[in-house]
Amino acid sequence: MTSRERVRAMYEGRPVDHLPAMPITMQFAADRLPARYIDYCIDPRTMAEGQIRVAEDFGLDYVNVMSDPACEAFDCGAAVSFFPGQPPAMDETNALLADRAALRGFRIPDPEAPGRMKARLQTLSLYRERVGDSLWVEGWVEGPCAEAADLRGINALMTDFYDDPPFICDLFGTIIDMELLFARAQVQAGADALGIGDAAASLVGPALYEEFVFPHEKRLVDGIHALGARVRLHICGNTRRLFPTMARLGCDHIDLDSPAPLDEARAAMGERVALCGNIDPVRVLRDGSPESVYAAIAECRRQAGDRYIVGAGCEAPRDTPPENFAAMVQFAKDHA
């Protein structure tokens, strides 16, 4: 099987020759070149080279366009700080929507216009040119809670749930309009799937998630499926109280961070969805040994069952020993 065939088969519940390996690599990939991380974030050729290099060096089954959560926000006009060796960061003291009334004048950027979204489209085109049908190609969009935190500021957003629920609904709805437009452009550029990063969603309880976040994530998932692409959901942190609601999103692939138990996720979500994770990226993947990493992934597979994709709970740290990273991927190759 090619990697692309393997990932598709896993999502469809068909037999695979071995488990797919789809860990998140960003700074780890940039450092393989080596390249400054700012160049990896903003230059399509640097990102494409870094992703293809790490996939070839370790036998990963996919390439992606993840680098930081500030891509869409930057094109919206938000204040973003850039650094040579680390991810761009939102300047929350100058949040674009610090005044809720500013949402009335908000304009959704064109993904095809010059900017960071356009750079990701160019990266996807480079993937198709370089890897053809051999590797699974994954685009990325921000989820409603994560993008709202970027545009509004995380602290203001958390109080908005109580102070102004109608504003939350309007803001999330606008964000989903933007992300579906961006998703369509990424599918047209060659993406097989779209990852949805919604890290801030783990900061709200199950009642708020059900009422405010779920309807908009569901609209995003359904909209991506309507484009003919698969969906990967990544919510950092402890999502265990959200499992029953996340199960109703209809995702093809859900990442579980290290505080989110795989066995509980499988019990809540059933057998249809492929689960990925959830070893601790620092204490296990970076600080462990090849033997302990391999054993930890084996336990993840035991808890998740056959619909399992090998990966860490979140991004592989840039200083992860290559032999530890290789041991994680080797488990995938050793198990059908």
C-alpha atoms as a PDB file:
ATOM      1  CA  MET A   1       0.000   0.000   0.000  1.00  0.00           C
ATOM      2  CA  THR A   2       1.108   3.560  -0.563  1.00  0.00           C
ATOM      3  CA  SER A   3       0.839   5.894   2.392  1.00  0.00           C
ATOM      4  CA  ARG A   4      -2.111   7.619   0.770  1.00  0.00           C
ATOM      5  CA  GLU A   5      -3.891   4.297   0.286  1.00  0.00           C
ATOM      6  CA  ARG A   6      -3.081   3.289   3.864  1.00  0.00           C
ATOM      7  CA  VAL A   7      -4.562   6.412   5.446  1.00  0.00           C
ATOM      8  CA  ARG A   8      -7.664   6.267   3.267  1.00  0.00           C
ATOM      9  CA  ALA A   9      -8.187   2.604   4.150  1.00  0.00           C
ATOM     10  CA  MET A  10      -7.866   3.368   7.863  1.00  0.00           C
ATOM     11  CA  TYR A  11     -10.478   6.116   7.600  1.00  0.00           C
ATOM     12  CA  GLU A  12     -12.804   3.789   5.707  1.00  0.00           C
ATOM     13  CA  GLY A  13     -12.388   0.943   8.185  1.00  0.00           C
ATOM     14  CA  ARG A  14     -10.672  -1.376   5.704  1.00  0.00           C
ATOM     15  CA  PRO A  15      -7.613  -3.532   6.460  1.00  0.00           C
ATOM     16  CA  VAL A  16      -4.197  -1.870   6.290  1.00  0.00           C
ATOM     17  CA  ASP A  17      -0.774  -3.443   5.833  1.00  0.00           C
ATOM     18  CA  HIS A  18       0.422  -1.505   8.875  1.00  0.00           C
ATOM     19  CA  LEU A  19      -0.827   1.328  11.052  1.00  0.00           C
ATOM     20  CA  PRO A  20      -0.488   4.855   9.622  1.00  0.00           C
ATOM     21  CA  ALA A  21       2.087   7.109  11.283  1.00  0.00           C
ATOM     22  CA  MET A  22       0.813  10.705  11.415  1.00  0.00           C
ATOM     23  CA  PRO A  23       2.544  12.547  14.285  1.00  0.00           C
ATOM     24  CA  ILE A  24       2.446  16.334  14.264  1.00  0.00           C
ATOM     25  CA  THR A  25       5.840  17.752  13.285  1.00  0.00           C
ATOM     26  CA  MET A  26       6.455  21.477  12.956  1.00  0.00           C
ATOM     27  CA  GLN A  27       9.621  22.733  14.658  1.00  0.00           C
ATOM     28  CA  PHE A  28      10.952  19.157  14.541  1.00  0.00           C
ATOM     29  CA  ALA A  29      10.529  19.191  10.749  1.00  0.00           C
ATOM     30  CA  ALA A  30      12.072  22.645  10.319  1.00  0.00           C
ATOM     31  CA  ASP A  31      15.112  21.613  12.337  1.00  0.00           C
ATOM     32  CA  ARG A  32      15.713  18.604  10.062  1.00  0.00           C
ATOM     33  CA  LEU A  33      16.635  20.938   7.167  1.00  0.00           C
ATOM     34  CA  PRO A  34      17.811  22.958   9.186  1.00  0.00           C
ATOM     35  CA  ALA A  35      15.827  26.166   8.679  1.00  0.00           C
ATOM     36  CA  ARG A  36      14.797  29.125  10.778  1.00  0.00           C
ATOM     37  CA  TYR A  37      11.307  28.524  12.055  1.00  0.00           C
ATOM     38  CA  ILE A  38      10.055  31.854  10.743  1.00  0.00           C
ATOM     39  CA  ASP A  39      11.027  30.712   7.232  1.00  0.00           C
ATOM     40  CA  TYR A  40       9.239  27.400   7.746  1.00  0.00           C
ATOM     41  CA  CYS A  41       6.086  29.330   8.723  1.00  0.00           C
ATOM     42  CA  ILE A  42       5.982  31.852   5.902  1.00  0.00           C
ATOM     43  CA  ASP A  43       7.871  30.321   2.956  1.00  0.00           C
ATOM     44  CA  PRO A  44       6.014  27.554   1.065  1.00  0.00           C
ATOM     45  CA  ARG A  45       9.155  25.905  -0.279  1.00  0.00           C
ATOM     46  CA  THR A  46      10.804  25.727   3.144  1.00  0.00           C
ATOM     47  CA  MET A  47       7.728  24.151   4.707  1.00  0.00           C
ATOM     48  CA  ALA A  48       7.313  21.693   1.843  1.00  0.00           C
ATOM     49  CA  GLU A  49      10.976  20.706   2.019  1.00  0.00           C
ATOM     50  CA  GLY A  50      10.831  20.253   5.796  1.00  0.00           C
ATOM     51  CA  GLN A  51       7.685  18.138   5.729  1.00  0.00           C
ATOM     52  CA  ILE A  52       8.860  15.941   2.878  1.00  0.00           C
ATOM     53  CA  ARG A  53      12.271  15.534   4.518  1.00  0.00           C
ATOM     54  CA  VAL A  54      10.849  14.348   7.841  1.00  0.00           C
ATOM     55  CA  ALA A  55       8.384  12.054   6.062  1.00  0.00           C
ATOM     56  CA  GLU A  56      11.185  10.476   4.019  1.00  0.00           C
ATOM     57  CA  ASP A  57      13.665  10.273   6.899  1.00  0.00           C
ATOM     58  CA  PHE A  58      11.268   8.480   9.240  1.00  0.00           C
ATOM     59  CA  GLY A  59       8.653   6.903   6.982  1.00  0.00           C
ATOM     60  CA  LEU A  60       5.667   9.056   7.891  1.00  0.00           C
ATOM     61  CA  ASP A  61       2.469   8.623   5.909  1.00  0.00           C
ATOM     62  CA  TYR A  62       1.550  12.253   5.372  1.00  0.00           C
ATOM     63  CA  VAL A  63       2.605  15.855   4.994  1.00  0.00           C
ATOM     64  CA  ASN A  64       0.712  18.860   6.353  1.00  0.00           C
ATOM     65  CA  VAL A  65       0.668  22.637   6.440  1.00  0.00           C
ATOM     66  CA  MET A  66       0.565  23.207  10.209  1.00  0.00           C
ATOM     67  CA  SER A  67       2.988  25.734  11.633  1.00  0.00           C
ATOM     68  CA  ASP A  68       1.125  28.027  14.037  1.00  0.00           C
ATOM     69  CA  PRO A  69      -2.449  29.154  14.758  1.00  0.00           C
ATOM     70  CA  ALA A  70      -2.004  32.729  13.514  1.00  0.00           C
ATOM     71  CA  CYS A  71      -2.341  32.129   9.765  1.00  0.00           C
ATOM     72  CA  GLU A  72      -5.940  33.215   9.178  1.00  0.00           C
ATOM     73  CA  ALA A  73      -5.809  35.895  11.882  1.00  0.00           C
ATOM     74  CA  PHE A  74      -2.820  37.550  10.211  1.00  0.00           C
ATOM     75  CA  ASP A  75      -4.680  37.818   6.908  1.00  0.00           C
ATOM     76  CA  CYS A  76      -7.658  39.267   8.791  1.00  0.00           C
ATOM     77  CA  GLY A  77      -5.410  42.110   9.942  1.00  0.00           C
ATOM     78  CA  ALA A  78      -4.776  40.944  13.510  1.00  0.00           C
ATOM     79  CA  ALA A  79      -1.599  41.943  15.321  1.00  0.00           C
ATOM     80  CA  VAL A  80       0.865  39.037  15.149  1.00  0.00           C
ATOM     81  CA  SER A  81       4.422  38.964  16.488  1.00  0.00           C
ATOM     82  CA  PHE A  82       7.035  37.020  14.508  1.00  0.00           C
ATOM     83  CA  PHE A  83      10.238  35.507  15.883  1.00  0.00           C
ATOM     84  CA  PRO A  84      13.188  33.887  14.106  1.00  0.00           C
ATOM     85  CA  GLY A  85      13.179  30.600  15.976  1.00  0.00           C
ATOM     86  CA  GLN A  86       9.702  30.031  17.386  1.00  0.00           C
ATOM     87  CA  PRO A  87       6.066  30.166  16.237  1.00  0.00           C
ATOM     88  CA  PRO A  88       4.329  33.485  15.557  1.00  0.00           C
ATOM     89  CA  ALA A  89       2.172  34.648  18.460  1.00  0.00           C
ATOM     90  CA  MET A  90      -0.965  36.737  18.745  1.00  0.00           C
ATOM     91  CA  ASP A  91      -0.577  40.170  20.340  1.00  0.00           C
ATOM     92  CA  GLU A  92      -3.588  39.921  22.639  1.00  0.00           C
ATOM     93  CA  THR A  93      -3.090  43.445  23.964  1.00  0.00           C
ATOM     94  CA  ASN A  94      -4.040  44.671  20.481  1.00  0.00           C
ATOM     95  CA  ALA A  95      -6.729  42.128  19.613  1.00  0.00           C
ATOM     96  CA  LEU A  96      -8.467  42.839  16.308  1.00  0.00           C
ATOM     97  CA  LEU A  97     -11.912  42.462  17.879  1.00  0.00           C
ATOM     98  CA  ALA A  98     -11.116  43.946  21.289  1.00  0.00           C
ATOM     99  CA  ASP A  99     -14.255  46.007  20.713  1.00  0.00           C
ATOM    100  CA  ARG A 100     -17.126  43.630  19.987  1.00  0.00           C
ATOM    101  CA  ALA A 101     -18.668  46.240  17.707  1.00  0.00           C
ATOM    102  CA  ALA A 102     -15.718  45.762  15.331  1.00  0.00           C
ATOM    103  CA  LEU A 103     -17.275  42.481  14.185  1.00  0.00           C
ATOM    104  CA  ARG A 104     -19.836  44.501  12.180  1.00  0.00           C
ATOM    105  CA  GLY A 105     -17.052  45.815   9.963  1.00  0.00           C
ATOM    106  CA  PHE A 106     -15.123  42.539   9.746  1.00  0.00           C
ATOM    107  CA  ARG A 107     -14.291  41.388   6.216  1.00  0.00           C
ATOM    108  CA  ILE A 108     -13.377  37.804   5.402  1.00  0.00           C
ATOM    109  CA  PRO A 109     -10.050  37.754   3.525  1.00  0.00           C
ATOM    110  CA  ASP A 110      -9.693  36.090   0.136  1.00  0.00           C
ATOM    111  CA  PRO A 111      -7.506  32.972   0.562  1.00  0.00           C
ATOM    112  CA  GLU A 112      -6.160  33.511  -2.961  1.00  0.00           C
ATOM    113  CA  ALA A 113      -4.950  37.053  -2.206  1.00  0.00           C
ATOM    114  CA  PRO A 114      -1.298  37.540  -1.212  1.00  0.00           C
ATOM    115  CA  GLY A 115      -0.880  36.542   2.416  1.00  0.00           C
ATOM    116  CA  ARG A 116      -0.332  33.605   4.722  1.00  0.00           C
ATOM    117  CA  MET A 117      -3.367  31.668   3.551  1.00  0.00           C
ATOM    118  CA  LYS A 118      -2.118  31.921  -0.018  1.00  0.00           C
ATOM    119  CA  ALA A 119       1.269  30.603   1.132  1.00  0.00           C
ATOM    120  CA  ARG A 120      -0.412  27.494   2.537  1.00  0.00           C
ATOM    121  CA  LEU A 121      -2.215  26.952  -0.756  1.00  0.00           C
ATOM    122  CA  GLN A 122       1.145  27.169  -2.510  1.00  0.00           C
ATOM    123  CA  THR A 123       2.587  24.621  -0.077  1.00  0.00           C
ATOM    124  CA  LEU A 124      -0.238  22.195  -0.871  1.00  0.00           C
ATOM    125  CA  SER A 125       0.415  22.620  -4.583  1.00  0.00           C
ATOM    126  CA  LEU A 126       4.103  21.869  -3.975  1.00  0.00           C
ATOM    127  CA  TYR A 127       3.161  18.696  -2.100  1.00  0.00           C
ATOM    128  CA  ARG A 128       1.104  17.446  -5.021  1.00  0.00           C
ATOM    129  CA  GLU A 129       3.940  18.294  -7.388  1.00  0.00           C
ATOM    130  CA  ARG A 130       6.567  16.571  -5.222  1.00  0.00           C
ATOM    131  CA  VAL A 131       4.810  13.539  -3.690  1.00  0.00           C
ATOM    132  CA  GLY A 132       2.022  12.874  -6.195  1.00  0.00           C
ATOM    133  CA  ASP A 133      -0.254  10.149  -4.859  1.00  0.00           C
ATOM    134  CA  SER A 134       2.341   8.560  -2.584  1.00  0.00           C
ATOM    135  CA  LEU A 135       1.671  10.515   0.637  1.00  0.00           C
ATOM    136  CA  TRP A 136      -1.545  11.708   2.262  1.00  0.00           C
ATOM    137  CA  VAL A 137      -1.740  15.514   2.023  1.00  0.00           C
ATOM    138  CA  GLU A 138      -3.355  17.391   4.900  1.00  0.00           C
ATOM    139  CA  GLY A 139      -4.444  21.012   4.964  1.00  0.00           C
ATOM    140  CA  TRP A 140      -5.381  22.896   8.105  1.00  0.00           C
ATOM    141  CA  VAL A 141      -7.936  25.391   9.394  1.00  0.00           C
ATOM    142  CA  GLU A 142      -8.591  26.858  12.806  1.00  0.00           C
ATOM    143  CA  GLY A 143     -11.725  25.846  14.666  1.00  0.00           C
ATOM    144  CA  PRO A 144     -14.296  28.371  15.905  1.00  0.00           C
ATOM    145  CA  CYS A 145     -13.048  28.620  19.489  1.00  0.00           C
ATOM    146  CA  ALA A 146      -9.360  28.829  18.573  1.00  0.00           C
ATOM    147  CA  GLU A 147      -9.834  31.447  15.869  1.00  0.00           C
ATOM    148  CA  ALA A 148     -12.162  33.483  18.075  1.00  0.00           C
ATOM    149  CA  ALA A 149      -9.464  33.500  20.746  1.00  0.00           C
ATOM    150  CA  ASP A 150      -6.988  34.805  18.165  1.00  0.00           C
ATOM    151  CA  LEU A 151      -9.287  37.587  16.984  1.00  0.00           C
ATOM    152  CA  ARG A 152     -10.903  38.554  20.281  1.00  0.00           C
ATOM    153  CA  GLY A 153      -8.315  37.549  22.896  1.00  0.00           C
ATOM    154  CA  ILE A 154      -8.644  34.398  24.982  1.00  0.00           C
ATOM    155  CA  ASN A 155      -9.613  36.149  28.221  1.00  0.00           C
ATOM    156  CA  ALA A 156     -12.263  38.321  26.596  1.00  0.00           C
ATOM    157  CA  LEU A 157     -13.647  35.307  24.747  1.00  0.00           C
ATOM    158  CA  MET A 158     -14.101  33.287  27.924  1.00  0.00           C
ATOM    159  CA  THR A 159     -16.170  36.056  29.533  1.00  0.00           C
ATOM    160  CA  ASP A 160     -18.174  36.565  26.319  1.00  0.00           C
ATOM    161  CA  PHE A 161     -19.792  33.157  26.801  1.00  0.00           C
ATOM    162  CA  TYR A 162     -21.562  34.644  29.823  1.00  0.00           C
ATOM    163  CA  ASP A 163     -21.677  38.351  29.020  1.00  0.00           C
ATOM    164  CA  ASP A 164     -22.802  38.282  25.385  1.00  0.00           C
ATOM    165  CA  PRO A 165     -23.894  34.874  24.020  1.00  0.00           C
ATOM    166  CA  PRO A 166     -25.382  36.374  20.819  1.00  0.00           C
ATOM    167  CA  PHE A 167     -21.987  37.890  20.014  1.00  0.00           C
ATOM    168  CA  ILE A 168     -20.358  34.466  20.414  1.00  0.00           C
ATOM    169  CA  CYS A 169     -22.814  32.988  17.922  1.00  0.00           C
ATOM    170  CA  ASP A 170     -22.228  35.804  15.430  1.00  0.00           C
ATOM    171  CA  LEU A 171     -18.452  35.589  15.821  1.00  0.00           C
ATOM    172  CA  PHE A 172     -18.335  31.805  15.482  1.00  0.00           C
ATOM    173  CA  GLY A 173     -20.646  31.916  12.473  1.00  0.00           C
ATOM    174  CA  THR A 174     -18.412  34.435  10.708  1.00  0.00           C
ATOM    175  CA  ILE A 175     -15.343  32.348  11.489  1.00  0.00           C
ATOM    176  CA  ILE A 176     -16.908  29.218   9.999  1.00  0.00           C
ATOM    177  CA  ASP A 177     -17.789  31.162   6.836  1.00  0.00           C
ATOM    178  CA  MET A 178     -14.101  32.117   6.571  1.00  0.00           C
ATOM    179  CA  GLU A 179     -12.751  28.650   7.346  1.00  0.00           C
ATOM    180  CA  LEU A 180     -15.031  26.923   4.831  1.00  0.00           C
ATOM    181  CA  LEU A 181     -13.837  29.345   2.158  1.00  0.00           C
ATOM    182  CA  PHE A 182     -10.232  28.567   3.112  1.00  0.00           C
ATOM    183  CA  ALA A 183     -10.968  24.829   3.235  1.00  0.00           C
ATOM    184  CA  ARG A 184     -12.426  24.882  -0.282  1.00  0.00           C
ATOM    185  CA  ALA A 185      -9.295  26.592  -1.599  1.00  0.00           C
ATOM    186  CA  GLN A 186      -7.082  24.008   0.130  1.00  0.00           C
ATOM    187  CA  VAL A 187      -9.012  21.077  -1.336  1.00  0.00           C
ATOM    188  CA  GLN A 188      -8.703  22.665  -4.777  1.00  0.00           C
ATOM    189  CA  ALA A 189      -4.946  23.032  -4.168  1.00  0.00           C
ATOM    190  CA  GLY A 190      -4.603  19.312  -3.462  1.00  0.00           C
ATOM    191  CA  ALA A 191      -5.515  18.571   0.170  1.00  0.00           C
ATOM    192  CA  ASP A 192      -6.911  15.092   0.853  1.00  0.00           C
ATOM    193  CA  ALA A 193      -8.040  16.142   4.313  1.00  0.00           C
ATOM    194  CA  LEU A 194      -8.383  19.189   6.500  1.00  0.00           C
ATOM    195  CA  GLY A 195      -7.203  19.255  10.062  1.00  0.00           C
ATOM    196  CA  ILE A 196      -9.197  21.428  12.436  1.00  0.00           C
ATOM    197  CA  GLY A 197      -7.224  22.910  15.316  1.00  0.00           C
ATOM    198  CA  ASP A 198      -9.509  24.096  18.113  1.00  0.00           C
ATOM    199  CA  ALA A 199      -7.239  24.150  21.151  1.00  0.00           C
ATOM    200  CA  ALA A 200      -9.254  26.724  23.111  1.00  0.00           C
ATOM    201  CA  ALA A 201     -12.292  24.426  23.068  1.00  0.00           C
ATOM    202  CA  SER A 202     -10.758  22.343  25.865  1.00  0.00           C
ATOM    203  CA  LEU A 203     -11.023  25.390  28.147  1.00  0.00           C
ATOM    204  CA  VAL A 204     -14.836  25.388  28.204  1.00  0.00           C
ATOM    205  CA  GLY A 205     -16.991  22.899  30.041  1.00  0.00           C
ATOM    206  CA  PRO A 206     -19.310  20.365  28.403  1.00  0.00           C
ATOM    207  CA  ALA A 207     -22.405  22.575  28.673  1.00  0.00           C
ATOM    208  CA  LEU A 208     -20.787  25.537  26.905  1.00  0.00           C
ATOM    209  CA  TYR A 209     -19.168  23.229  24.369  1.00  0.00           C
ATOM    210  CA  GLU A 210     -22.530  21.639  23.566  1.00  0.00           C
ATOM    211  CA  GLU A 211     -24.367  24.942  23.267  1.00  0.00           C
ATOM    212  CA  PHE A 212     -21.840  27.161  21.522  1.00  0.00           C
ATOM    213  CA  VAL A 213     -18.877  25.249  20.087  1.00  0.00           C
ATOM    214  CA  PHE A 214     -20.356  21.992  18.853  1.00  0.00           C
ATOM    215  CA  PRO A 215     -22.877  23.471  16.367  1.00  0.00           C
ATOM    216  CA  HIS A 216     -20.146  25.462  14.644  1.00  0.00           C
ATOM    217  CA  GLU A 217     -17.551  22.675  14.664  1.00  0.00           C
ATOM    218  CA  LYS A 218     -20.252  20.397  13.254  1.00  0.00           C
ATOM    219  CA  ARG A 219     -20.995  22.857  10.460  1.00  0.00           C
ATOM    220  CA  LEU A 220     -17.274  22.998   9.658  1.00  0.00           C
ATOM    221  CA  VAL A 221     -16.894  19.203   9.660  1.00  0.00           C
ATOM    222  CA  ASP A 222     -19.969  18.729   7.469  1.00  0.00           C
ATOM    223  CA  GLY A 223     -18.827  21.482   5.111  1.00  0.00           C
ATOM    224  CA  ILE A 224     -15.386  19.889   4.658  1.00  0.00           C
ATOM    225  CA  HIS A 225     -16.972  16.505   3.992  1.00  0.00           C
ATOM    226  CA  ALA A 226     -19.194  18.149   1.381  1.00  0.00           C
ATOM    227  CA  LEU A 227     -15.999  19.271  -0.377  1.00  0.00           C
ATOM    228  CA  GLY A 228     -14.960  15.605  -0.675  1.00  0.00           C
ATOM    229  CA  ALA A 229     -12.210  15.783   1.973  1.00  0.00           C
ATOM    230  CA  ARG A 230     -11.662  13.940   5.243  1.00  0.00           C
ATOM    231  CA  VAL A 231     -11.523  15.647   8.655  1.00  0.00           C
ATOM    232  CA  ARG A 232      -8.958  15.435  11.453  1.00  0.00           C
ATOM    233  CA  LEU A 233      -9.823  17.167  14.747  1.00  0.00           C
ATOM    234  CA  HIS A 234      -7.103  18.310  17.115  1.00  0.00           C
ATOM    235  CA  ILE A 235      -8.068  19.856  20.461  1.00  0.00           C
ATOM    236  CA  CYS A 236      -5.147  20.242  22.849  1.00  0.00           C
ATOM    237  CA  GLY A 237      -5.602  19.503  26.531  1.00  0.00           C
ATOM    238  CA  ASN A 238      -8.009  17.397  28.540  1.00  0.00           C
ATOM    239  CA  THR A 239     -11.092  16.802  26.409  1.00  0.00           C
ATOM    240  CA  ARG A 240     -12.462  13.783  28.309  1.00  0.00           C
ATOM    241  CA  ARG A 241     -15.616  15.633  29.446  1.00  0.00           C
ATOM    242  CA  LEU A 242     -16.266  16.561  25.806  1.00  0.00           C
ATOM    243  CA  PHE A 243     -15.963  13.022  24.386  1.00  0.00           C
ATOM    244  CA  PRO A 244     -19.698  12.272  24.054  1.00  0.00           C
ATOM    245  CA  THR A 245     -20.305  15.505  22.152  1.00  0.00           C
ATOM    246  CA  MET A 246     -17.147  15.224  20.039  1.00  0.00           C
ATOM    247  CA  ALA A 247     -18.368  11.773  19.004  1.00  0.00           C
ATOM    248  CA  ARG A 248     -21.330  13.386  17.231  1.00  0.00           C
ATOM    249  CA  LEU A 249     -19.164  15.616  15.027  1.00  0.00           C
ATOM    250  CA  GLY A 250     -18.606  12.840  12.479  1.00  0.00           C
ATOM    251  CA  CYS A 251     -14.828  13.324  12.198  1.00  0.00           C
ATOM    252  CA  ASP A 252     -12.713  10.698  10.458  1.00  0.00           C
ATOM    253  CA  HIS A 253      -9.722  11.149  12.788  1.00  0.00           C
ATOM    254  CA  ILE A 254      -9.535  12.590  16.299  1.00  0.00           C
ATOM    255  CA  ASP A 255      -6.282  13.388  18.088  1.00  0.00           C
ATOM    256  CA  LEU A 256      -6.161  12.787  21.840  1.00  0.00           C
ATOM    257  CA  ASP A 257      -3.724  14.790  23.948  1.00  0.00           C
ATOM    258  CA  SER A 258      -1.920  13.080  26.826  1.00  0.00           C
ATOM    259  CA  PRO A 259      -4.486  14.088  29.525  1.00  0.00           C
ATOM    260  CA  ALA A 260      -7.335  12.618  27.430  1.00  0.00           C
ATOM    261  CA  PRO A 261      -7.582   8.822  27.973  1.00  0.00           C
ATOM    262  CA  LEU A 262      -7.772   6.745  24.815  1.00  0.00           C
ATOM    263  CA  ASP A 263      -9.829   3.956  26.365  1.00  0.00           C
ATOM    264  CA  GLU A 264     -12.477   6.422  27.546  1.00  0.00           C
ATOM    265  CA  ALA A 265     -12.485   8.092  24.139  1.00  0.00           C
ATOM    266  CA  ARG A 266     -13.016   4.769  22.388  1.00  0.00           C
ATOM    267  CA  ALA A 267     -15.857   3.850  24.737  1.00  0.00           C
ATOM    268  CA  ALA A 268     -17.554   7.210  24.171  1.00  0.00           C
ATOM    269  CA  MET A 269     -16.928   7.520  20.430  1.00  0.00           C
ATOM    270  CA  GLY A 270     -17.452   3.966  19.226  1.00  0.00           C
ATOM    271  CA  GLU A 271     -15.480   2.134  16.584  1.00  0.00           C
ATOM    272  CA  ARG A 272     -16.118   4.322  13.533  1.00  0.00           C
ATOM    273  CA  VAL A 273     -13.573   7.070  14.165  1.00  0.00           C
ATOM    274  CA  ALA A 274      -9.792   6.602  13.974  1.00  0.00           C
ATOM    275  CA  LEU A 275      -8.078   7.741  17.167  1.00  0.00           C
ATOM    276  CA  CYS A 276      -4.536   9.126  17.296  1.00  0.00           C
ATOM    277  CA  GLY A 277      -2.193   9.799  20.209  1.00  0.00           C
ATOM    278  CA  ASN A 278      -1.834  10.082  23.132  1.00  0.00           C
ATOM    279  CA  ILE A 279       1.673   9.687  24.583  1.00  0.00           C
ATOM    280  CA  ASP A 280       3.018  12.703  26.458  1.00  0.00           C
ATOM    281  CA  PRO A 281       5.160  14.582  23.914  1.00  0.00           C
ATOM    282  CA  VAL A 282       7.677  15.710  26.522  1.00  0.00           C
ATOM    283  CA  ARG A 283       7.851  13.150  29.329  1.00  0.00           C
ATOM    284  CA  VAL A 284       7.503  10.127  27.058  1.00  0.00           C
ATOM    285  CA  LEU A 285       8.512  11.045  23.494  1.00  0.00           C
ATOM    286  CA  ARG A 286      11.299  13.533  24.210  1.00  0.00           C
ATOM    287  CA  ASP A 287      12.544  12.393  27.608  1.00  0.00           C
ATOM    288  CA  GLY A 288      12.028   8.638  27.314  1.00  0.00           C
ATOM    289  CA  SER A 289      14.036   5.930  25.593  1.00  0.00           C
ATOM    290  CA  PRO A 290      13.262   4.175  22.302  1.00  0.00           C
ATOM    291  CA  GLU A 291      12.088   1.172  24.328  1.00  0.00           C
ATOM    292  CA  SER A 292       9.778   3.200  26.582  1.00  0.00           C
ATOM    293  CA  VAL A 293       8.350   5.121  23.619  1.00  0.00           C
ATOM    294  CA  TYR A 294       7.611   1.872  21.780  1.00  0.00           C
ATOM    295  CA  ALA A 295       5.960   0.405  24.874  1.00  0.00           C
ATOM    296  CA  ALA A 296       3.866   3.535  25.439  1.00  0.00           C
ATOM    297  CA  ILE A 297       2.574   3.465  21.858  1.00  0.00           C
ATOM    298  CA  ALA A 298       1.777  -0.232  22.279  1.00  0.00           C
ATOM    299  CA  GLU A 299      -0.416   0.641  25.259  1.00  0.00           C
ATOM    300  CA  CYS A 300      -2.153   3.351  23.220  1.00  0.00           C
ATOM    301  CA  ARG A 301      -2.899   0.801  20.507  1.00  0.00           C
ATOM    302  CA  ARG A 302      -4.261  -1.615  23.107  1.00  0.00           C
ATOM    303  CA  GLN A 303      -6.656   1.024  24.420  1.00  0.00           C
ATOM    304  CA  ALA A 304      -7.693   2.404  21.032  1.00  0.00           C
ATOM    305  CA  GLY A 305      -8.087  -0.894  19.172  1.00  0.00           C
ATOM    306  CA  ASP A 306      -7.576  -1.430  15.458  1.00  0.00           C
ATOM    307  CA  ARG A 307      -8.782   1.998  14.309  1.00  0.00           C
ATOM    308  CA  TYR A 308      -5.592   3.576  15.593  1.00  0.00           C
ATOM    309  CA  ILE A 309      -3.147   6.038  14.045  1.00  0.00           C
ATOM    310  CA  VAL A 310       0.304   6.419  15.588  1.00  0.00           C
ATOM    311  CA  GLY A 311       1.183   9.846  16.941  1.00  0.00           C
ATOM    312  CA  ALA A 312       1.976  11.749  20.114  1.00  0.00           C
ATOM    313  CA  GLY A 313      -0.562  13.686  22.145  1.00  0.00           C
ATOM    314  CA  CYS A 314       0.488  16.928  20.462  1.00  0.00           C
ATOM    315  CA  GLU A 315       3.409  18.317  18.462  1.00  0.00           C
ATOM    316  CA  ALA A 316       6.667  16.371  18.665  1.00  0.00           C
ATOM    317  CA  PRO A 317       9.113  18.679  20.518  1.00  0.00           C
ATOM    318  CA  ARG A 318      11.904  19.993  18.345  1.00  0.00           C
ATOM    319  CA  ASP A 319      14.598  18.451  20.568  1.00  0.00           C
ATOM    320  CA  THR A 320      13.107  14.952  20.515  1.00  0.00           C
ATOM    321  CA  PRO A 321      15.935  12.430  20.018  1.00  0.00           C
ATOM    322  CA  PRO A 322      15.654  11.007  16.488  1.00  0.00           C
ATOM    323  CA  GLU A 323      15.899   7.471  17.860  1.00  0.00           C
ATOM    324  CA  ASN A 324      12.827   8.088  20.055  1.00  0.00           C
ATOM    325  CA  PHE A 325      10.859   9.502  17.150  1.00  0.00           C
ATOM    326  CA  ALA A 326      11.924   6.564  14.994  1.00  0.00           C
ATOM    327  CA  ALA A 327      10.778   4.103  17.679  1.00  0.00           C
ATOM    328  CA  MET A 328       7.300   5.648  17.625  1.00  0.00           C
ATOM    329  CA  VAL A 329       7.074   5.236  13.852  1.00  0.00           C
ATOM    330  CA  GLN A 330       8.542   1.739  13.995  1.00  0.00           C
ATOM    331  CA  PHE A 331       5.603   0.585  16.084  1.00  0.00           C
ATOM    332  CA  ALA A 332       3.300   1.620  13.237  1.00  0.00           C
ATOM    333  CA  LYS A 333       5.336  -0.374  10.731  1.00  0.00           C
ATOM    334  CA  ASP A 334       5.363  -3.436  12.979  1.00  0.00           C
ATOM    335  CA  HIS A 335       1.606  -3.629  13.445  1.00  0.00           C
ATOM    336  CA  ALA A 336      -1.234  -4.181  10.984  1.00  0.00           C
END
